[in-house]
Amino acid sequence: MGRRALKAVDPSVDLSSYLYSLDELQTPLIAQDLFGRDAPLEVEVGSGKGLFMQTASATHPDRNFLGIEMARKYARHAAGRLAKRELTNGKMISGDGLRLFREFLTSDGVDAVHVYFPDPWWKDRHRKRRVMKPDFLKDIQRVLRPGGALHFWTDVEEYFQTTLVMIAAEVSLEGPLSVDERPAEHDLDYRTHFERRMRLHDEPVYRSEFRKPVAN
C-alpha cells in the first residue's frame, strides 16, 4: 500500500512559523527559541502526512511538538495542517531525523520520541537504511530526559522484534512496556494515517514503549 497523492497546501496559509529546513537551524537547537516558550518537548521522526502532529498538538496545548520529515512535500503538508488550525505548539522540519538527533538536540532535553511505521527497507542489502539502528538509539537515550519515553510502532513483526533485541543490547532504556490497542472513536482517531490503514484492513500493528531510567 503506497502513499496516496497529497492535497495541495492552500497558498494563502502562512507556513513561515510552522515549517523549517534543518539546514537553516542553528545548533544546538534551543526549543524555547523555536516555540517562543518553555514547555515539555516531544519529537516525532518521520511525520508523514502529519496526523499525529496535528492531533497531539491540539490535544496537549501545554506541550511542544517537533516533527521531522525527509520528504519536503510531506513536511510542508504536515506544516499546513498545523498552520490551518493555528496550532503554534507544533512545528515541522524538513530534513534528516538522524542528523537532527546527532547534531542539534541537546542531552536530557526531550520528554518523548515518537517513531511510527518507519520504512522497513525489505531487501537485505537495504537494511542498513532503517532508521532504528544502534547510533540512533544511543542518541535517543542521550536526548531523553530521565523518565522520558520512546514510542515505537510498526506493522512489520520482523522489524519490531529485531528492534526490541537491538534496544536491549545497545541502550539501557526500560521496556518494552505494553501498549494496548484502543477502539477508534471517529474516522481519524488513530496515531497516524498508516495505523488507520492497517487497522481498517485488519492488519496487525506492533506497539512498544520504553522509558529512560530515573537516577536514584
N, C-alpha and C. Protein backbone atom coordinates (compact mmCIF):
# COMPACT_ATOMS: atom_id res chain seq x y z
N MET A 1 0.84 -1.19 0.00
CA MET A 1 0.00 0.00 0.00
C MET A 1 0.87 1.24 0.00
N GLY A 2 0.96 1.91 -1.15
CA GLY A 2 1.80 3.09 -1.25
C GLY A 2 1.09 4.33 -0.75
N ARG A 3 1.83 5.41 -0.66
CA ARG A 3 1.26 6.67 -0.23
C ARG A 3 0.36 7.24 -1.32
N ARG A 4 -0.78 7.79 -0.91
CA ARG A 4 -1.66 8.46 -1.84
C ARG A 4 -1.15 9.87 -2.10
N ALA A 5 -1.63 10.43 -3.24
CA ALA A 5 -1.22 11.78 -3.60
C ALA A 5 -1.68 12.76 -2.53
N LEU A 6 -0.86 13.77 -2.27
CA LEU A 6 -1.18 14.78 -1.27
C LEU A 6 -2.05 15.88 -1.86
N LYS A 7 -2.95 16.40 -1.03
CA LYS A 7 -3.70 17.57 -1.44
C LYS A 7 -2.77 18.78 -1.37
N ALA A 8 -2.97 19.71 -2.27
CA ALA A 8 -2.14 20.92 -2.29
C ALA A 8 -2.40 21.75 -1.04
N VAL A 9 -1.35 22.33 -0.50
CA VAL A 9 -1.49 23.23 0.64
C VAL A 9 -2.06 24.55 0.15
N ASP A 10 -3.06 25.05 0.85
CA ASP A 10 -3.68 26.33 0.50
C ASP A 10 -2.60 27.41 0.44
N PRO A 11 -2.40 28.04 -0.71
CA PRO A 11 -1.33 29.03 -0.84
C PRO A 11 -1.53 30.26 0.05
N SER A 12 -2.74 30.46 0.54
CA SER A 12 -2.99 31.61 1.41
C SER A 12 -2.56 31.35 2.86
N VAL A 13 -2.23 30.10 3.17
CA VAL A 13 -1.82 29.74 4.53
C VAL A 13 -0.34 30.06 4.72
N ASP A 14 -0.02 30.83 5.72
CA ASP A 14 1.36 31.24 6.01
C ASP A 14 2.07 30.14 6.80
N LEU A 15 3.09 29.54 6.19
CA LEU A 15 3.82 28.44 6.82
C LEU A 15 5.12 28.91 7.48
N SER A 16 5.39 30.20 7.45
CA SER A 16 6.70 30.69 7.85
C SER A 16 7.07 30.36 9.29
N SER A 17 6.09 30.22 10.17
CA SER A 17 6.40 29.89 11.57
C SER A 17 6.05 28.44 11.91
N TYR A 18 5.80 27.64 10.86
CA TYR A 18 5.46 26.23 11.07
C TYR A 18 6.40 25.26 10.36
N LEU A 19 7.08 25.72 9.33
CA LEU A 19 7.93 24.85 8.52
C LEU A 19 9.35 25.42 8.44
N TYR A 20 10.33 24.56 8.75
CA TYR A 20 11.73 24.97 8.73
C TYR A 20 12.55 23.90 7.99
N SER A 21 13.64 24.34 7.43
CA SER A 21 14.63 23.42 6.87
C SER A 21 15.69 23.17 7.93
N LEU A 22 16.12 21.93 8.07
CA LEU A 22 17.14 21.63 9.07
C LEU A 22 18.40 22.44 8.84
N ASP A 23 18.73 22.67 7.59
CA ASP A 23 19.96 23.39 7.26
C ASP A 23 19.93 24.85 7.70
N GLU A 24 18.73 25.41 7.92
CA GLU A 24 18.66 26.82 8.31
C GLU A 24 18.62 26.99 9.83
N LEU A 25 18.59 25.91 10.57
CA LEU A 25 18.53 26.00 12.02
C LEU A 25 19.94 26.01 12.61
N GLN A 26 20.08 26.66 13.74
CA GLN A 26 21.37 26.71 14.42
C GLN A 26 21.50 25.54 15.38
N THR A 27 22.73 25.13 15.60
CA THR A 27 22.99 24.06 16.56
C THR A 27 23.77 24.64 17.75
N PRO A 28 23.42 24.28 18.98
CA PRO A 28 22.32 23.37 19.32
C PRO A 28 20.96 24.01 19.12
N LEU A 29 19.96 23.19 18.89
CA LEU A 29 18.60 23.68 18.73
C LEU A 29 18.01 23.99 20.10
N ILE A 30 17.63 25.25 20.31
CA ILE A 30 17.02 25.67 21.57
C ILE A 30 15.51 25.74 21.35
N ALA A 31 14.79 24.79 21.92
CA ALA A 31 13.36 24.69 21.68
C ALA A 31 12.62 25.95 22.09
N GLN A 32 13.06 26.59 23.16
CA GLN A 32 12.40 27.80 23.63
C GLN A 32 12.46 28.90 22.57
N ASP A 33 13.57 28.97 21.83
CA ASP A 33 13.69 29.97 20.77
C ASP A 33 12.75 29.63 19.61
N LEU A 34 12.61 28.36 19.29
CA LEU A 34 11.78 27.94 18.16
C LEU A 34 10.30 28.12 18.46
N PHE A 35 9.88 27.79 19.68
CA PHE A 35 8.46 27.84 20.03
C PHE A 35 8.06 29.13 20.75
N GLY A 36 9.04 29.88 21.21
CA GLY A 36 8.73 31.10 21.92
C GLY A 36 8.25 30.89 23.33
N ARG A 37 8.49 29.72 23.87
CA ARG A 37 8.10 29.43 25.25
C ARG A 37 8.86 28.19 25.72
N ASP A 38 8.87 28.00 27.02
CA ASP A 38 9.49 26.83 27.62
C ASP A 38 8.39 25.85 28.00
N ALA A 39 8.40 24.67 27.41
CA ALA A 39 7.38 23.65 27.67
C ALA A 39 7.99 22.29 27.36
N PRO A 40 7.43 21.21 27.90
CA PRO A 40 7.92 19.86 27.57
C PRO A 40 7.93 19.65 26.06
N LEU A 41 9.00 19.02 25.56
CA LEU A 41 9.19 18.85 24.12
C LEU A 41 9.06 17.38 23.74
N GLU A 42 8.27 17.11 22.71
CA GLU A 42 8.16 15.78 22.13
C GLU A 42 8.54 15.86 20.66
N VAL A 43 9.26 14.85 20.17
CA VAL A 43 9.78 14.85 18.80
C VAL A 43 9.28 13.62 18.06
N GLU A 44 8.72 13.84 16.87
CA GLU A 44 8.31 12.72 16.01
C GLU A 44 9.26 12.64 14.83
N VAL A 45 9.79 11.45 14.59
CA VAL A 45 10.70 11.21 13.46
C VAL A 45 9.91 10.53 12.35
N GLY A 46 9.82 11.19 11.19
CA GLY A 46 9.06 10.65 10.08
C GLY A 46 7.57 10.95 10.23
N SER A 47 7.20 12.22 10.10
CA SER A 47 5.83 12.64 10.40
C SER A 47 4.82 12.35 9.30
N GLY A 48 5.29 11.99 8.10
CA GLY A 48 4.36 11.67 7.04
C GLY A 48 3.39 12.80 6.77
N LYS A 49 2.09 12.48 6.73
CA LYS A 49 1.07 13.48 6.44
C LYS A 49 0.73 14.35 7.65
N GLY A 50 1.26 14.02 8.82
CA GLY A 50 1.13 14.92 9.95
C GLY A 50 -0.07 14.71 10.84
N LEU A 51 -0.72 13.54 10.77
CA LEU A 51 -1.89 13.31 11.62
C LEU A 51 -1.51 13.32 13.09
N PHE A 52 -0.41 12.64 13.45
CA PHE A 52 0.00 12.64 14.85
C PHE A 52 0.32 14.06 15.31
N MET A 53 1.07 14.80 14.51
CA MET A 53 1.45 16.16 14.90
C MET A 53 0.22 17.03 15.12
N GLN A 54 -0.75 16.92 14.25
CA GLN A 54 -1.97 17.71 14.38
C GLN A 54 -2.74 17.32 15.64
N THR A 55 -2.97 16.02 15.81
CA THR A 55 -3.77 15.56 16.94
C THR A 55 -3.08 15.83 18.27
N ALA A 56 -1.79 15.52 18.35
CA ALA A 56 -1.06 15.70 19.60
C ALA A 56 -0.98 17.17 19.99
N SER A 57 -0.72 18.03 19.03
CA SER A 57 -0.60 19.46 19.32
C SER A 57 -1.93 20.03 19.80
N ALA A 58 -3.03 19.56 19.21
CA ALA A 58 -4.35 20.05 19.61
C ALA A 58 -4.77 19.49 20.97
N THR A 59 -4.39 18.24 21.23
CA THR A 59 -4.81 17.58 22.47
C THR A 59 -4.00 18.04 23.68
N HIS A 60 -2.73 18.40 23.43
CA HIS A 60 -1.82 18.77 24.53
C HIS A 60 -1.24 20.16 24.29
N PRO A 61 -2.05 21.21 24.46
CA PRO A 61 -1.55 22.57 24.20
C PRO A 61 -0.46 23.01 25.16
N ASP A 62 -0.28 22.28 26.25
CA ASP A 62 0.76 22.62 27.23
C ASP A 62 2.11 22.04 26.87
N ARG A 63 2.20 21.33 25.74
CA ARG A 63 3.45 20.70 25.33
C ARG A 63 3.83 21.19 23.94
N ASN A 64 5.12 21.14 23.62
CA ASN A 64 5.62 21.47 22.29
C ASN A 64 5.88 20.20 21.51
N PHE A 65 5.52 20.20 20.22
CA PHE A 65 5.71 19.04 19.37
C PHE A 65 6.53 19.44 18.14
N LEU A 66 7.61 18.71 17.92
CA LEU A 66 8.51 18.97 16.80
C LEU A 66 8.54 17.72 15.91
N GLY A 67 8.15 17.89 14.66
CA GLY A 67 8.17 16.78 13.72
C GLY A 67 9.24 16.99 12.68
N ILE A 68 9.86 15.90 12.22
CA ILE A 68 10.83 16.00 11.14
C ILE A 68 10.51 14.96 10.09
N GLU A 69 10.60 15.37 8.83
CA GLU A 69 10.25 14.51 7.71
C GLU A 69 11.25 14.77 6.58
N MET A 70 11.82 13.68 6.04
CA MET A 70 12.82 13.82 4.99
C MET A 70 12.23 14.40 3.71
N ALA A 71 11.04 13.94 3.33
CA ALA A 71 10.41 14.40 2.09
C ALA A 71 9.79 15.78 2.32
N ARG A 72 10.30 16.79 1.64
CA ARG A 72 9.85 18.16 1.91
C ARG A 72 8.36 18.33 1.62
N LYS A 73 7.83 17.66 0.60
CA LYS A 73 6.41 17.86 0.29
C LYS A 73 5.53 17.34 1.42
N TYR A 74 5.99 16.31 2.12
CA TYR A 74 5.23 15.81 3.26
C TYR A 74 5.42 16.71 4.48
N ALA A 75 6.63 17.21 4.68
CA ALA A 75 6.85 18.16 5.76
C ALA A 75 5.99 19.39 5.56
N ARG A 76 5.90 19.86 4.33
CA ARG A 76 5.08 21.02 4.01
C ARG A 76 3.60 20.73 4.25
N HIS A 77 3.17 19.55 3.86
CA HIS A 77 1.77 19.16 4.06
C HIS A 77 1.43 19.13 5.55
N ALA A 78 2.32 18.51 6.35
CA ALA A 78 2.09 18.44 7.80
C ALA A 78 2.08 19.83 8.41
N ALA A 79 2.99 20.69 7.97
CA ALA A 79 3.03 22.06 8.47
C ALA A 79 1.75 22.80 8.12
N GLY A 80 1.20 22.52 6.93
CA GLY A 80 -0.05 23.15 6.52
C GLY A 80 -1.21 22.78 7.43
N ARG A 81 -1.22 21.53 7.90
CA ARG A 81 -2.27 21.11 8.83
C ARG A 81 -2.17 21.89 10.14
N LEU A 82 -0.96 22.09 10.61
CA LEU A 82 -0.76 22.83 11.85
C LEU A 82 -1.14 24.31 11.67
N ALA A 83 -0.68 24.89 10.56
CA ALA A 83 -0.94 26.32 10.32
C ALA A 83 -2.43 26.59 10.14
N LYS A 84 -3.11 25.71 9.42
CA LYS A 84 -4.54 25.91 9.16
C LYS A 84 -5.33 25.96 10.47
N ARG A 85 -4.87 25.21 11.46
CA ARG A 85 -5.57 25.15 12.76
C ARG A 85 -4.92 26.04 13.82
N GLU A 86 -3.91 26.80 13.40
CA GLU A 86 -3.19 27.72 14.28
C GLU A 86 -2.66 27.01 15.53
N LEU A 87 -2.10 25.83 15.31
CA LEU A 87 -1.51 25.05 16.41
C LEU A 87 -0.05 25.46 16.56
N THR A 88 0.18 26.54 17.25
CA THR A 88 1.51 27.12 17.34
C THR A 88 2.48 26.29 18.19
N ASN A 89 1.98 25.30 18.91
CA ASN A 89 2.86 24.42 19.67
C ASN A 89 3.34 23.23 18.84
N GLY A 90 3.06 23.25 17.54
CA GLY A 90 3.56 22.23 16.62
C GLY A 90 4.40 22.87 15.53
N LYS A 91 5.59 22.31 15.27
CA LYS A 91 6.49 22.82 14.23
C LYS A 91 7.01 21.63 13.42
N MET A 92 7.22 21.85 12.13
CA MET A 92 7.76 20.81 11.25
C MET A 92 9.13 21.22 10.72
N ILE A 93 10.01 20.23 10.59
CA ILE A 93 11.32 20.42 9.99
C ILE A 93 11.44 19.49 8.80
N SER A 94 11.95 20.02 7.71
CA SER A 94 12.28 19.22 6.53
C SER A 94 13.76 18.86 6.61
N GLY A 95 14.05 17.55 6.71
CA GLY A 95 15.45 17.15 6.80
C GLY A 95 15.61 15.76 7.38
N ASP A 96 16.85 15.43 7.69
CA ASP A 96 17.24 14.11 8.15
C ASP A 96 17.05 14.00 9.67
N GLY A 97 16.16 13.11 10.09
CA GLY A 97 15.90 12.95 11.51
C GLY A 97 17.10 12.48 12.29
N LEU A 98 17.90 11.60 11.71
CA LEU A 98 19.09 11.11 12.41
C LEU A 98 20.07 12.25 12.67
N ARG A 99 20.20 13.14 11.70
CA ARG A 99 21.09 14.29 11.87
C ARG A 99 20.55 15.24 12.92
N LEU A 100 19.23 15.42 12.97
CA LEU A 100 18.62 16.26 13.99
C LEU A 100 19.03 15.78 15.38
N PHE A 101 18.94 14.47 15.61
CA PHE A 101 19.28 13.92 16.91
C PHE A 101 20.78 13.99 17.17
N ARG A 102 21.55 13.70 16.15
CA ARG A 102 23.00 13.62 16.32
C ARG A 102 23.64 14.99 16.54
N GLU A 103 23.16 16.02 15.84
CA GLU A 103 23.86 17.30 15.82
C GLU A 103 23.12 18.45 16.50
N PHE A 104 21.80 18.37 16.63
CA PHE A 104 21.04 19.54 17.04
C PHE A 104 20.41 19.44 18.43
N LEU A 105 19.95 18.27 18.81
CA LEU A 105 19.22 18.15 20.07
C LEU A 105 20.18 17.96 21.24
N THR A 106 19.91 18.68 22.32
CA THR A 106 20.78 18.62 23.49
C THR A 106 20.42 17.44 24.39
N SER A 107 21.34 17.06 25.23
CA SER A 107 21.13 15.94 26.15
C SER A 107 20.06 16.29 27.18
N ASP A 108 19.24 15.30 27.50
CA ASP A 108 18.22 15.42 28.56
C ASP A 108 17.22 16.53 28.29
N GLY A 109 16.94 16.81 27.01
CA GLY A 109 16.05 17.93 26.70
C GLY A 109 14.71 17.55 26.09
N VAL A 110 14.48 16.25 25.88
CA VAL A 110 13.27 15.80 25.18
C VAL A 110 12.45 14.91 26.10
N ASP A 111 11.16 15.15 26.15
CA ASP A 111 10.28 14.36 27.03
C ASP A 111 9.79 13.08 26.36
N ALA A 112 9.68 13.06 25.04
CA ALA A 112 9.24 11.84 24.36
C ALA A 112 9.72 11.87 22.91
N VAL A 113 10.04 10.67 22.40
CA VAL A 113 10.40 10.48 21.00
C VAL A 113 9.39 9.52 20.40
N HIS A 114 8.85 9.86 19.23
CA HIS A 114 7.84 9.05 18.57
C HIS A 114 8.37 8.58 17.22
N VAL A 115 8.38 7.27 17.01
CA VAL A 115 8.78 6.70 15.72
C VAL A 115 7.67 5.73 15.30
N TYR A 116 6.87 6.13 14.31
CA TYR A 116 5.71 5.34 13.91
C TYR A 116 5.85 4.87 12.46
N PHE A 117 5.80 3.57 12.28
CA PHE A 117 5.78 2.94 10.96
C PHE A 117 6.91 3.41 10.04
N PRO A 118 8.16 3.33 10.51
CA PRO A 118 9.28 3.71 9.64
C PRO A 118 9.41 2.72 8.48
N ASP A 119 10.01 3.19 7.41
CA ASP A 119 10.22 2.34 6.22
C ASP A 119 10.99 1.09 6.62
N PRO A 120 10.45 -0.12 6.34
CA PRO A 120 11.15 -1.34 6.76
C PRO A 120 12.33 -1.73 5.87
N TRP A 121 12.46 -1.11 4.68
CA TRP A 121 13.56 -1.45 3.77
C TRP A 121 13.70 -2.97 3.69
N TRP A 122 12.78 -3.58 2.94
CA TRP A 122 12.60 -5.03 2.94
C TRP A 122 13.84 -5.81 2.51
N LYS A 123 14.54 -5.34 1.47
CA LYS A 123 15.66 -6.12 0.93
C LYS A 123 16.84 -6.12 1.91
N ASP A 124 17.50 -7.26 2.02
CA ASP A 124 18.61 -7.40 2.97
C ASP A 124 19.69 -6.35 2.74
N ARG A 125 19.99 -6.05 1.50
CA ARG A 125 21.07 -5.10 1.21
C ARG A 125 20.68 -3.67 1.57
N HIS A 126 19.40 -3.44 1.84
CA HIS A 126 18.94 -2.09 2.19
C HIS A 126 18.68 -1.93 3.69
N ARG A 127 18.85 -2.99 4.47
CA ARG A 127 18.50 -2.93 5.90
C ARG A 127 19.29 -1.84 6.64
N LYS A 128 20.49 -1.53 6.15
CA LYS A 128 21.30 -0.51 6.82
C LYS A 128 20.66 0.87 6.74
N ARG A 129 19.64 1.03 5.88
CA ARG A 129 18.96 2.31 5.76
C ARG A 129 17.85 2.49 6.80
N ARG A 130 17.54 1.45 7.54
CA ARG A 130 16.50 1.55 8.55
C ARG A 130 16.86 2.63 9.58
N VAL A 131 15.84 3.37 10.02
CA VAL A 131 16.10 4.44 10.98
C VAL A 131 16.44 3.87 12.36
N MET A 132 15.85 2.74 12.72
CA MET A 132 16.12 2.16 14.03
C MET A 132 17.42 1.37 13.96
N LYS A 133 18.50 2.04 14.33
CA LYS A 133 19.83 1.45 14.30
C LYS A 133 20.57 1.86 15.56
N PRO A 134 21.67 1.20 15.91
CA PRO A 134 22.34 1.47 17.19
C PRO A 134 22.67 2.93 17.46
N ASP A 135 23.26 3.63 16.50
CA ASP A 135 23.66 5.01 16.75
C ASP A 135 22.46 5.89 17.06
N PHE A 136 21.36 5.68 16.34
CA PHE A 136 20.16 6.47 16.58
C PHE A 136 19.57 6.17 17.96
N LEU A 137 19.56 4.90 18.34
CA LEU A 137 19.05 4.53 19.66
C LEU A 137 19.87 5.19 20.76
N LYS A 138 21.17 5.25 20.58
CA LYS A 138 22.02 5.90 21.57
C LYS A 138 21.74 7.40 21.65
N ASP A 139 21.45 8.01 20.50
CA ASP A 139 21.10 9.43 20.52
C ASP A 139 19.75 9.65 21.18
N ILE A 140 18.81 8.73 20.96
CA ILE A 140 17.51 8.84 21.62
C ILE A 140 17.70 8.80 23.14
N GLN A 141 18.48 7.85 23.61
CA GLN A 141 18.71 7.75 25.05
C GLN A 141 19.39 9.02 25.57
N ARG A 142 20.31 9.57 24.81
CA ARG A 142 21.02 10.78 25.25
C ARG A 142 20.08 11.97 25.37
N VAL A 143 19.20 12.18 24.39
CA VAL A 143 18.38 13.39 24.38
C VAL A 143 17.18 13.28 25.31
N LEU A 144 16.73 12.08 25.63
CA LEU A 144 15.58 11.94 26.52
C LEU A 144 15.94 12.40 27.93
N ARG A 145 15.02 13.09 28.56
CA ARG A 145 15.19 13.41 29.97
C ARG A 145 14.96 12.12 30.78
N PRO A 146 15.48 12.01 31.99
CA PRO A 146 15.17 10.85 32.83
C PRO A 146 13.66 10.70 33.00
N GLY A 147 13.16 9.52 32.72
CA GLY A 147 11.73 9.28 32.74
C GLY A 147 11.05 9.50 31.41
N GLY A 148 11.79 10.04 30.42
CA GLY A 148 11.23 10.29 29.10
C GLY A 148 10.98 8.99 28.35
N ALA A 149 10.12 9.06 27.34
CA ALA A 149 9.63 7.85 26.66
C ALA A 149 10.01 7.79 25.19
N LEU A 150 10.27 6.58 24.72
CA LEU A 150 10.38 6.26 23.30
C LEU A 150 9.16 5.44 22.92
N HIS A 151 8.42 5.89 21.90
CA HIS A 151 7.28 5.16 21.37
C HIS A 151 7.65 4.64 19.99
N PHE A 152 7.64 3.33 19.82
CA PHE A 152 8.00 2.71 18.54
C PHE A 152 6.88 1.77 18.11
N TRP A 153 6.27 2.06 16.94
CA TRP A 153 5.22 1.22 16.37
C TRP A 153 5.59 0.85 14.95
N THR A 154 5.22 -0.35 14.54
CA THR A 154 5.43 -0.79 13.16
C THR A 154 4.41 -1.87 12.83
N ASP A 155 4.20 -2.06 11.55
CA ASP A 155 3.32 -3.15 11.11
C ASP A 155 4.13 -4.36 10.67
N VAL A 156 5.45 -4.29 10.79
CA VAL A 156 6.34 -5.38 10.34
C VAL A 156 6.87 -6.11 11.58
N GLU A 157 6.42 -7.34 11.81
CA GLU A 157 6.80 -8.06 13.02
C GLU A 157 8.31 -8.28 13.10
N GLU A 158 8.95 -8.61 11.97
CA GLU A 158 10.40 -8.84 11.97
C GLU A 158 11.14 -7.58 12.40
N TYR A 159 10.72 -6.43 11.88
CA TYR A 159 11.35 -5.15 12.23
C TYR A 159 11.14 -4.88 13.73
N PHE A 160 9.94 -5.16 14.20
CA PHE A 160 9.62 -4.93 15.60
C PHE A 160 10.51 -5.78 16.51
N GLN A 161 10.57 -7.09 16.24
CA GLN A 161 11.35 -7.99 17.09
C GLN A 161 12.84 -7.68 17.01
N THR A 162 13.32 -7.39 15.82
CA THR A 162 14.73 -7.05 15.65
C THR A 162 15.10 -5.79 16.43
N THR A 163 14.19 -4.81 16.41
CA THR A 163 14.45 -3.57 17.13
C THR A 163 14.43 -3.77 18.63
N LEU A 164 13.52 -4.59 19.13
CA LEU A 164 13.48 -4.87 20.57
C LEU A 164 14.78 -5.50 21.03
N VAL A 165 15.30 -6.42 20.26
CA VAL A 165 16.58 -7.06 20.59
C VAL A 165 17.69 -6.03 20.56
N MET A 166 17.69 -5.17 19.56
CA MET A 166 18.72 -4.14 19.43
C MET A 166 18.68 -3.17 20.61
N ILE A 167 17.49 -2.76 21.01
CA ILE A 167 17.37 -1.83 22.14
C ILE A 167 17.94 -2.46 23.41
N ALA A 168 17.62 -3.73 23.63
CA ALA A 168 18.12 -4.42 24.83
C ALA A 168 19.63 -4.52 24.81
N ALA A 169 20.23 -4.64 23.63
CA ALA A 169 21.67 -4.83 23.52
C ALA A 169 22.46 -3.52 23.52
N GLU A 170 21.86 -2.45 23.00
CA GLU A 170 22.62 -1.22 22.74
C GLU A 170 22.42 -0.11 23.75
N VAL A 171 21.26 -0.05 24.40
CA VAL A 171 20.97 1.06 25.32
C VAL A 171 20.34 0.51 26.59
N SER A 172 20.14 1.39 27.57
CA SER A 172 19.62 0.95 28.85
C SER A 172 18.22 1.49 29.11
N LEU A 173 17.41 1.59 28.07
CA LEU A 173 16.03 2.02 28.22
C LEU A 173 15.21 0.89 28.86
N GLU A 174 14.28 1.25 29.71
CA GLU A 174 13.44 0.26 30.38
C GLU A 174 12.25 -0.09 29.49
N GLY A 175 12.01 -1.39 29.32
CA GLY A 175 10.92 -1.85 28.48
C GLY A 175 11.30 -3.14 27.79
N PRO A 176 10.47 -3.57 26.83
CA PRO A 176 9.32 -2.84 26.30
C PRO A 176 8.10 -2.90 27.22
N LEU A 177 7.42 -1.77 27.33
CA LEU A 177 6.16 -1.70 28.04
C LEU A 177 5.04 -1.96 27.03
N SER A 178 4.03 -2.67 27.44
CA SER A 178 2.94 -2.99 26.51
C SER A 178 2.09 -1.76 26.26
N VAL A 179 1.57 -1.67 25.06
CA VAL A 179 0.70 -0.57 24.65
C VAL A 179 -0.56 -1.19 24.07
N ASP A 180 -1.68 -1.01 24.72
CA ASP A 180 -2.93 -1.61 24.28
C ASP A 180 -3.51 -0.88 23.08
N GLU A 181 -4.17 -1.63 22.21
CA GLU A 181 -4.90 -1.02 21.10
C GLU A 181 -6.27 -0.59 21.61
N ARG A 182 -6.59 0.66 21.38
CA ARG A 182 -7.90 1.13 21.84
C ARG A 182 -8.81 1.36 20.64
N PRO A 183 -10.12 1.22 20.84
CA PRO A 183 -11.05 1.43 19.73
C PRO A 183 -11.05 2.88 19.28
N ALA A 184 -11.20 3.10 17.97
CA ALA A 184 -11.24 4.45 17.43
C ALA A 184 -12.62 5.06 17.66
N GLU A 185 -12.65 6.31 18.10
CA GLU A 185 -13.92 6.98 18.38
C GLU A 185 -14.47 7.71 17.16
N HIS A 186 -13.61 7.95 16.15
CA HIS A 186 -14.06 8.56 14.90
C HIS A 186 -13.08 8.17 13.80
N ASP A 187 -13.34 8.61 12.59
CA ASP A 187 -12.61 8.12 11.42
C ASP A 187 -11.12 8.44 11.44
N LEU A 188 -10.73 9.50 12.12
CA LEU A 188 -9.30 9.86 12.17
C LEU A 188 -8.74 9.72 13.58
N ASP A 189 -9.37 8.88 14.39
CA ASP A 189 -8.89 8.68 15.76
C ASP A 189 -7.84 7.57 15.79
N TYR A 190 -6.73 7.84 15.12
CA TYR A 190 -5.61 6.91 15.04
C TYR A 190 -4.32 7.70 15.25
N ARG A 191 -3.26 7.01 15.65
CA ARG A 191 -2.00 7.70 15.89
C ARG A 191 -1.46 8.31 14.60
N THR A 192 -1.55 7.58 13.49
CA THR A 192 -1.09 8.08 12.19
C THR A 192 -2.05 7.57 11.12
N HIS A 193 -1.91 8.13 9.91
CA HIS A 193 -2.70 7.63 8.79
C HIS A 193 -2.36 6.17 8.50
N PHE A 194 -1.10 5.79 8.71
CA PHE A 194 -0.70 4.43 8.42
C PHE A 194 -1.37 3.46 9.40
N GLU A 195 -1.45 3.84 10.67
CA GLU A 195 -2.16 2.98 11.62
C GLU A 195 -3.61 2.82 11.19
N ARG A 196 -4.23 3.90 10.76
CA ARG A 196 -5.62 3.83 10.30
C ARG A 196 -5.78 2.82 9.17
N ARG A 197 -4.90 2.88 8.19
CA ARG A 197 -4.98 1.96 7.05
C ARG A 197 -4.79 0.52 7.48
N MET A 198 -3.83 0.28 8.37
CA MET A 198 -3.59 -1.08 8.83
C MET A 198 -4.81 -1.63 9.56
N ARG A 199 -5.37 -0.86 10.45
CA ARG A 199 -6.48 -1.36 11.26
C ARG A 199 -7.76 -1.51 10.44
N LEU A 200 -7.98 -0.62 9.49
CA LEU A 200 -9.16 -0.76 8.63
C LEU A 200 -9.06 -1.98 7.73
N HIS A 201 -7.83 -2.45 7.48
CA HIS A 201 -7.62 -3.67 6.70
C HIS A 201 -7.38 -4.89 7.60
N ASP A 202 -7.64 -4.72 8.90
CA ASP A 202 -7.46 -5.81 9.87
C ASP A 202 -6.05 -6.38 9.87
N GLU A 203 -5.07 -5.51 9.67
CA GLU A 203 -3.67 -5.91 9.72
C GLU A 203 -3.11 -5.60 11.11
N PRO A 204 -2.19 -6.42 11.61
CA PRO A 204 -1.66 -6.19 12.96
C PRO A 204 -0.73 -4.98 13.03
N VAL A 205 -0.72 -4.35 14.19
CA VAL A 205 0.20 -3.26 14.49
C VAL A 205 0.95 -3.64 15.76
N TYR A 206 2.26 -3.54 15.72
CA TYR A 206 3.11 -3.90 16.86
C TYR A 206 3.55 -2.61 17.55
N ARG A 207 3.23 -2.49 18.84
CA ARG A 207 3.45 -1.25 19.58
C ARG A 207 4.36 -1.50 20.78
N SER A 208 5.21 -0.54 21.06
CA SER A 208 6.05 -0.65 22.26
C SER A 208 6.35 0.73 22.80
N GLU A 209 6.66 0.77 24.08
CA GLU A 209 7.09 2.00 24.74
C GLU A 209 8.27 1.66 25.64
N PHE A 210 9.25 2.55 25.66
CA PHE A 210 10.43 2.40 26.52
C PHE A 210 10.60 3.68 27.33
N ARG A 211 11.25 3.57 28.48
CA ARG A 211 11.47 4.72 29.35
C ARG A 211 12.95 4.83 29.71
N LYS A 212 13.46 6.07 29.74
CA LYS A 212 14.82 6.30 30.21
C LYS A 212 14.82 6.24 31.73
N PRO A 213 15.68 5.46 32.30
CA PRO A 213 15.68 5.30 33.77
C PRO A 213 15.90 6.63 34.48
N VAL A 214 15.29 6.73 35.63
CA VAL A 214 15.48 7.87 36.52
C VAL A 214 16.53 7.50 37.55
N ALA A 215 17.56 8.32 37.65
CA ALA A 215 18.64 8.03 38.59
C ALA A 215 18.12 8.07 40.02
N ASN A 216 18.61 7.16 40.84
CA ASN A 216 18.20 7.11 42.24
C ASN A 216 18.94 8.19 43.05
